[in-house]
Amino acid sequence: MDDELDFRELVTVMLGQYGAVVKAAASAAEALEYVENWKPDVLVADIGMRGEDGYGLIRKVRALSSGRGGSTPALALTAYTRAEDRLSALSAGYQIHLAKPITGPELAAAVANLAGRSN
């Protein structure tokens, strides 16, 4: 999930090259709807977005029951790269914090790890 169309398309292509099925959301509200209704294996979200940020999103996801997607593994993909930014993301409920820019292999490996897939 990212509020920038170009970046959403890039992430979709990057992960698609590794066989992932991706639904890209333009807002936290849309991403939350996907988590509840589509039940993705992994949530990839930007932290700094217009409107509700990635911290607000992960708080709402974590407030859901497991059956509604509350335990969905989550990766913060962000331009916020300081140590305290990483700690904030992990404390908020993300399992992985990755800094932009990122390569396809790095992103695919992190998503596969969160999804419990080694290939």
C-alpha atoms as a PDB file:
ATOM      1  CA  MET A   1       0.000   0.000   0.000  1.00  0.00           C
ATOM      2  CA  ASP A   2       1.390   3.364  -1.023  1.00  0.00           C
ATOM      3  CA  ASP A   3      -0.233   6.644  -1.939  1.00  0.00           C
ATOM      4  CA  GLU A   4       2.049   7.106  -4.985  1.00  0.00           C
ATOM      5  CA  LEU A   5       0.711   5.327  -8.080  1.00  0.00           C
ATOM      6  CA  ASP A   6       4.143   4.874  -9.681  1.00  0.00           C
ATOM      7  CA  PHE A   7       5.528   3.204  -6.585  1.00  0.00           C
ATOM      8  CA  ARG A   8       2.481   0.931  -6.226  1.00  0.00           C
ATOM      9  CA  GLU A   9       2.942  -0.164  -9.824  1.00  0.00           C
ATOM     10  CA  LEU A  10       6.674  -0.753  -9.297  1.00  0.00           C
ATOM     11  CA  VAL A  11       6.087  -2.921  -6.218  1.00  0.00           C
ATOM     12  CA  THR A  12       3.344  -4.844  -8.035  1.00  0.00           C
ATOM     13  CA  VAL A  13       5.687  -5.593 -10.947  1.00  0.00           C
ATOM     14  CA  MET A  14       8.623  -6.432  -8.660  1.00  0.00           C
ATOM     15  CA  LEU A  15       6.642  -8.933  -6.621  1.00  0.00           C
ATOM     16  CA  GLY A  16       4.752 -10.238  -9.648  1.00  0.00           C
ATOM     17  CA  GLN A  17       8.062 -11.288 -11.201  1.00  0.00           C
ATOM     18  CA  TYR A  18       8.445 -13.681  -8.284  1.00  0.00           C
ATOM     19  CA  GLY A  19       4.954 -15.136  -8.600  1.00  0.00           C
ATOM     20  CA  ALA A  20       3.186 -13.036  -5.993  1.00  0.00           C
ATOM     21  CA  VAL A  21      -0.434 -12.053  -6.502  1.00  0.00           C
ATOM     22  CA  VAL A  22      -0.613  -8.383  -5.533  1.00  0.00           C
ATOM     23  CA  LYS A  23      -3.509  -6.060  -4.816  1.00  0.00           C
ATOM     24  CA  ALA A  24      -2.267  -2.492  -4.545  1.00  0.00           C
ATOM     25  CA  ALA A  25      -4.176  -0.077  -2.334  1.00  0.00           C
ATOM     26  CA  ALA A  26      -4.028   3.707  -2.651  1.00  0.00           C
ATOM     27  CA  SER A  27      -5.032   4.439   0.941  1.00  0.00           C
ATOM     28  CA  ALA A  28      -5.027   2.982   4.427  1.00  0.00           C
ATOM     29  CA  ALA A  29      -8.801   2.506   4.247  1.00  0.00           C
ATOM     30  CA  GLU A  30      -8.535   0.524   1.019  1.00  0.00           C
ATOM     31  CA  ALA A  31      -5.672  -1.577   2.425  1.00  0.00           C
ATOM     32  CA  LEU A  32      -7.684  -2.361   5.553  1.00  0.00           C
ATOM     33  CA  GLU A  33     -10.580  -3.495   3.365  1.00  0.00           C
ATOM     34  CA  TYR A  34      -8.209  -5.821   1.455  1.00  0.00           C
ATOM     35  CA  VAL A  35      -6.851  -7.259   4.698  1.00  0.00           C
ATOM     36  CA  GLU A  36     -10.346  -8.009   5.977  1.00  0.00           C
ATOM     37  CA  ASN A  37     -11.889  -9.283   2.740  1.00  0.00           C
ATOM     38  CA  TRP A  38      -9.022 -10.698   0.698  1.00  0.00           C
ATOM     39  CA  LYS A  39      -6.882 -11.969   3.599  1.00  0.00           C
ATOM     40  CA  PRO A  40      -3.422 -11.524   2.026  1.00  0.00           C
ATOM     41  CA  ASP A  41      -0.465 -13.611   3.169  1.00  0.00           C
ATOM     42  CA  VAL A  42       1.546 -10.411   3.754  1.00  0.00           C
ATOM     43  CA  LEU A  43       0.788  -6.694   4.024  1.00  0.00           C
ATOM     44  CA  VAL A  44       3.388  -4.329   2.527  1.00  0.00           C
ATOM     45  CA  ALA A  45       2.750  -0.731   3.518  1.00  0.00           C
ATOM     46  CA  ASP A  46       4.393   2.665   3.290  1.00  0.00           C
ATOM     47  CA  ILE A  47       4.639   4.637   6.516  1.00  0.00           C
ATOM     48  CA  GLY A  48       4.508   8.195   5.161  1.00  0.00           C
ATOM     49  CA  MET A  49       1.292   8.679   3.247  1.00  0.00           C
ATOM     50  CA  ARG A  50      -1.165  11.504   2.903  1.00  0.00           C
ATOM     51  CA  GLY A  51      -4.192  11.078   5.113  1.00  0.00           C
ATOM     52  CA  GLU A  52      -3.829   8.116   7.422  1.00  0.00           C
ATOM     53  CA  ASP A  53      -0.240   6.895   7.618  1.00  0.00           C
ATOM     54  CA  GLY A  54       1.120   3.371   7.878  1.00  0.00           C
ATOM     55  CA  TYR A  55       1.137   3.524  11.669  1.00  0.00           C
ATOM     56  CA  GLY A  56      -2.604   4.180  11.728  1.00  0.00           C
ATOM     57  CA  LEU A  57      -3.130   1.333   9.295  1.00  0.00           C
ATOM     58  CA  ILE A  58      -1.152  -1.219  11.281  1.00  0.00           C
ATOM     59  CA  ARG A  59      -2.914  -0.203  14.503  1.00  0.00           C
ATOM     60  CA  LYS A  60      -6.265  -0.891  12.812  1.00  0.00           C
ATOM     61  CA  VAL A  61      -5.042  -4.189  11.357  1.00  0.00           C
ATOM     62  CA  ARG A  62      -3.712  -5.354  14.727  1.00  0.00           C
ATOM     63  CA  ALA A  63      -7.044  -4.442  16.356  1.00  0.00           C
ATOM     64  CA  LEU A  64      -8.832  -6.959  14.113  1.00  0.00           C
ATOM     65  CA  SER A  65      -9.381 -10.529  15.227  1.00  0.00           C
ATOM     66  CA  SER A  66      -7.110 -13.117  13.622  1.00  0.00           C
ATOM     67  CA  GLY A  67     -10.026 -14.379  11.548  1.00  0.00           C
ATOM     68  CA  ARG A  68     -10.497 -10.916  10.088  1.00  0.00           C
ATOM     69  CA  GLY A  69      -6.783 -10.452   9.271  1.00  0.00           C
ATOM     70  CA  GLY A  70      -5.427  -9.033  12.515  1.00  0.00           C
ATOM     71  CA  SER A  71      -2.419 -11.339  12.553  1.00  0.00           C
ATOM     72  CA  THR A  72      -1.424 -10.705   8.925  1.00  0.00           C
ATOM     73  CA  PRO A  73       2.382 -10.451   8.727  1.00  0.00           C
ATOM     74  CA  ALA A  74       3.335  -6.893   7.785  1.00  0.00           C
ATOM     75  CA  LEU A  75       6.308  -5.173   6.194  1.00  0.00           C
ATOM     76  CA  ALA A  76       6.927  -1.428   6.395  1.00  0.00           C
ATOM     77  CA  LEU A  77       8.529  -0.200   3.160  1.00  0.00           C
ATOM     78  CA  THR A  78       9.487   3.399   3.762  1.00  0.00           C
ATOM     79  CA  ALA A  79      11.801   6.317   3.122  1.00  0.00           C
ATOM     80  CA  TYR A  80      12.040   6.810   6.903  1.00  0.00           C
ATOM     81  CA  THR A  81      15.363   5.085   7.528  1.00  0.00           C
ATOM     82  CA  ARG A  82      16.686   6.223  10.902  1.00  0.00           C
ATOM     83  CA  ALA A  83      17.127   3.673  13.682  1.00  0.00           C
ATOM     84  CA  GLU A  84      14.273   5.262  15.618  1.00  0.00           C
ATOM     85  CA  ASP A  85      12.027   4.960  12.530  1.00  0.00           C
ATOM     86  CA  ARG A  86      12.785   1.246  12.368  1.00  0.00           C
ATOM     87  CA  LEU A  87      12.023   0.844  16.067  1.00  0.00           C
ATOM     88  CA  SER A  88       8.768   2.798  15.678  1.00  0.00           C
ATOM     89  CA  ALA A  89       7.633   0.569  12.813  1.00  0.00           C
ATOM     90  CA  LEU A  90       8.472  -2.634  14.646  1.00  0.00           C
ATOM     91  CA  SER A  91       6.871  -1.392  17.865  1.00  0.00           C
ATOM     92  CA  ALA A  92       3.711  -0.426  15.967  1.00  0.00           C
ATOM     93  CA  GLY A  93       3.212  -3.994  14.733  1.00  0.00           C
ATOM     94  CA  TYR A  94       5.266  -4.455  11.577  1.00  0.00           C
ATOM     95  CA  GLN A  95       7.570  -7.484  11.558  1.00  0.00           C
ATOM     96  CA  ILE A  96      10.026  -6.040   9.017  1.00  0.00           C
ATOM     97  CA  HIS A  97      11.157  -2.483   8.229  1.00  0.00           C
ATOM     98  CA  LEU A  98      12.793  -1.968   4.802  1.00  0.00           C
ATOM     99  CA  ALA A  99      14.150   1.275   3.421  1.00  0.00           C
ATOM    100  CA  LYS A 100      13.346   2.674  -0.008  1.00  0.00           C
ATOM    101  CA  PRO A 101      14.756   2.329  -2.565  1.00  0.00           C
ATOM    102  CA  ILE A 102      14.714  -1.457  -2.645  1.00  0.00           C
ATOM    103  CA  THR A 103      15.485  -4.099  -5.236  1.00  0.00           C
ATOM    104  CA  GLY A 104      13.067  -6.761  -6.409  1.00  0.00           C
ATOM    105  CA  PRO A 105      15.086  -9.638  -4.936  1.00  0.00           C
ATOM    106  CA  GLU A 106      15.307  -7.912  -1.526  1.00  0.00           C
ATOM    107  CA  LEU A 107      11.587  -7.222  -1.410  1.00  0.00           C
ATOM    108  CA  ALA A 108      10.626 -10.678  -2.671  1.00  0.00           C
ATOM    109  CA  ALA A 109      12.886 -12.361  -0.100  1.00  0.00           C
ATOM    110  CA  ALA A 110      11.386 -10.343   2.757  1.00  0.00           C
ATOM    111  CA  VAL A 111       7.816 -11.049   1.624  1.00  0.00           C
ATOM    112  CA  ALA A 112       8.570 -14.761   1.155  1.00  0.00           C
ATOM    113  CA  ASN A 113      10.103 -14.858   4.627  1.00  0.00           C
ATOM    114  CA  LEU A 114       6.999 -13.281   6.179  1.00  0.00           C
ATOM    115  CA  ALA A 115       4.735 -15.613   4.209  1.00  0.00           C
ATOM    116  CA  GLY A 116       6.702 -18.625   5.442  1.00  0.00           C
ATOM    117  CA  ARG A 117       7.936 -19.529   1.996  1.00  0.00           C
ATOM    118  CA  SER A 118      11.591 -20.107   1.271  1.00  0.00           C
ATOM    119  CA  ASN A 119      11.383 -20.300  -2.530  1.00  0.00           C
END
